[in-house]
Protein backbone atom coordinates (compact mmCIF):
# COMPACT_ATOMS: atom_id res chain seq x y z
CA MET A 1 0.00 0.00 0.00
CA LYS A 2 1.29 3.47 -0.90
CA LEU A 3 1.63 5.74 2.13
CA LYS A 4 1.12 9.43 1.40
CA ILE A 5 2.66 10.64 4.67
CA LYS A 6 6.44 10.77 5.02
CA THR A 7 8.94 11.49 7.79
CA GLY A 8 9.20 15.22 8.45
CA ASP A 9 5.63 16.08 7.33
CA THR A 10 3.43 18.22 9.55
CA VAL A 11 0.15 16.41 10.21
CA ARG A 12 -3.12 16.90 12.09
CA VAL A 13 -4.95 14.10 13.91
CA VAL A 14 -8.47 13.86 12.46
CA ALA A 15 -9.87 11.00 14.58
CA GLY A 16 -9.40 9.47 18.00
CA ASP A 17 -8.49 10.74 21.45
CA HIS A 18 -5.98 13.30 20.14
CA LYS A 19 -8.29 14.78 17.46
CA GLY A 20 -7.21 18.29 16.43
CA SER A 21 -3.60 17.94 17.63
CA GLU A 22 -0.76 18.81 15.26
CA GLY A 23 2.82 17.59 15.12
CA LYS A 24 5.73 16.50 12.98
CA VAL A 25 6.11 12.90 11.83
CA VAL A 26 9.19 11.33 13.47
CA THR A 27 9.03 7.88 11.86
CA VAL A 28 6.72 5.89 9.61
CA ILE A 29 6.16 2.16 10.22
CA ARG A 30 5.17 0.88 6.77
CA GLN A 31 4.48 -2.73 7.79
CA LYS A 32 1.79 -1.66 10.28
CA ASN A 33 0.54 1.48 8.42
CA LYS A 34 1.39 3.59 11.49
CA ALA A 35 3.40 6.71 12.23
CA ILE A 36 4.97 8.23 15.32
CA VAL A 37 4.14 11.93 15.68
CA GLU A 38 6.07 14.05 18.18
CA GLY A 39 4.03 15.11 21.20
CA ILE A 40 0.95 13.06 20.23
CA ASN A 41 -0.32 9.76 21.71
CA MET A 42 2.04 9.88 24.70
CA VAL A 43 2.18 6.71 26.82
CA SER A 44 3.96 5.83 30.07
CA LYS A 45 6.51 3.02 29.81
CA HIS A 46 8.23 1.35 32.75
CA GLU A 47 11.98 1.08 32.16
CA LYS A 48 14.41 -1.12 34.03
CA PRO A 49 17.63 0.49 35.24
CA SER A 50 20.37 0.27 32.59
CA ALA A 51 23.71 1.88 31.76
CA LYS A 52 21.91 4.53 29.72
CA ASN A 53 19.26 5.15 32.38
CA PRO A 54 20.69 4.06 35.77
CA GLN A 55 17.65 5.29 37.71
CA GLY A 56 15.00 3.47 35.66
CA GLY A 57 11.38 4.40 36.37
CA ILE A 58 8.44 5.60 34.31
CA VAL A 59 9.21 7.31 30.99
CA LYS A 60 6.75 9.18 28.74
CA LYS A 61 7.15 8.47 25.01
CA GLU A 62 5.15 8.65 21.78
CA ALA A 63 3.22 5.58 20.64
CA PRO A 64 2.40 4.86 16.99
CA ILE A 65 -0.88 6.19 15.57
CA HIS A 66 -2.62 4.77 12.49
CA ILE A 67 -2.04 6.61 9.20
CA SER A 68 -5.79 6.79 8.52
CA ASN A 69 -6.17 9.05 11.57
CA LEU A 70 -3.67 11.59 10.20
CA SER A 71 -4.10 14.28 7.57
CA LEU A 72 -1.30 16.28 5.94
CA ILE A 73 -1.22 20.04 6.58
CA ASP A 74 -0.73 22.28 3.55
CA GLY A 75 2.27 24.59 3.97
CA LYS A 76 0.61 27.75 2.64
CA SER A 77 -2.92 27.72 4.06
CA GLY A 78 -2.20 25.69 7.20
CA ASP A 79 -5.30 23.59 6.48
CA THR A 80 -5.53 19.82 5.99
CA THR A 81 -5.29 18.49 2.46
CA ARG A 82 -5.26 15.25 0.54
CA VAL A 83 -2.17 14.18 -1.39
CA GLY A 84 -1.90 13.51 -5.11
CA TYR A 85 0.97 12.71 -7.45
CA GLU A 86 1.99 14.36 -10.73
CA THR A 87 4.96 14.32 -13.05
CA ARG A 88 6.56 17.76 -13.21
CA ASP A 89 9.84 18.41 -15.04
CA GLY A 90 10.29 14.65 -15.49
CA LYS A 91 10.02 13.89 -11.76
CA LYS A 92 7.16 12.38 -9.78
CA VAL A 93 6.17 14.85 -7.04
CA ARG A 94 3.56 15.00 -4.28
CA ILE A 95 0.99 17.77 -4.70
CA SER A 96 -1.66 19.25 -2.45
CA LYS A 97 -5.18 18.55 -3.75
CA LYS A 98 -6.43 21.89 -2.33
CA SER A 99 -3.78 24.31 -3.56
CA ASN A 100 -2.41 22.14 -6.40
CA GLU A 101 1.16 23.00 -5.32
CA VAL A 102 4.19 20.78 -4.71
CA ILE A 103 4.56 19.63 -1.11
């Protein structure tokens, strides 16, 4: 399946507990159709003491969120948009369906 959201994109959550929140995509997990967005879907994880974290304890970190619950934000208008593809100058580029401009 072709994913239209890539690492570094600014997205808005359109469904679920974090609806309306915005953030930047940190990583995309293609096998599960999920993405990790900074500051969204924070969960508490218990960590054992280690060399990196000698104290251990409870750590807050981002959990993956399904791609279908995310919508790309257009750079100019700041509104959500769908993604299309076109060939411009011999290269395949992503375009915004609302503004028809290259993302």
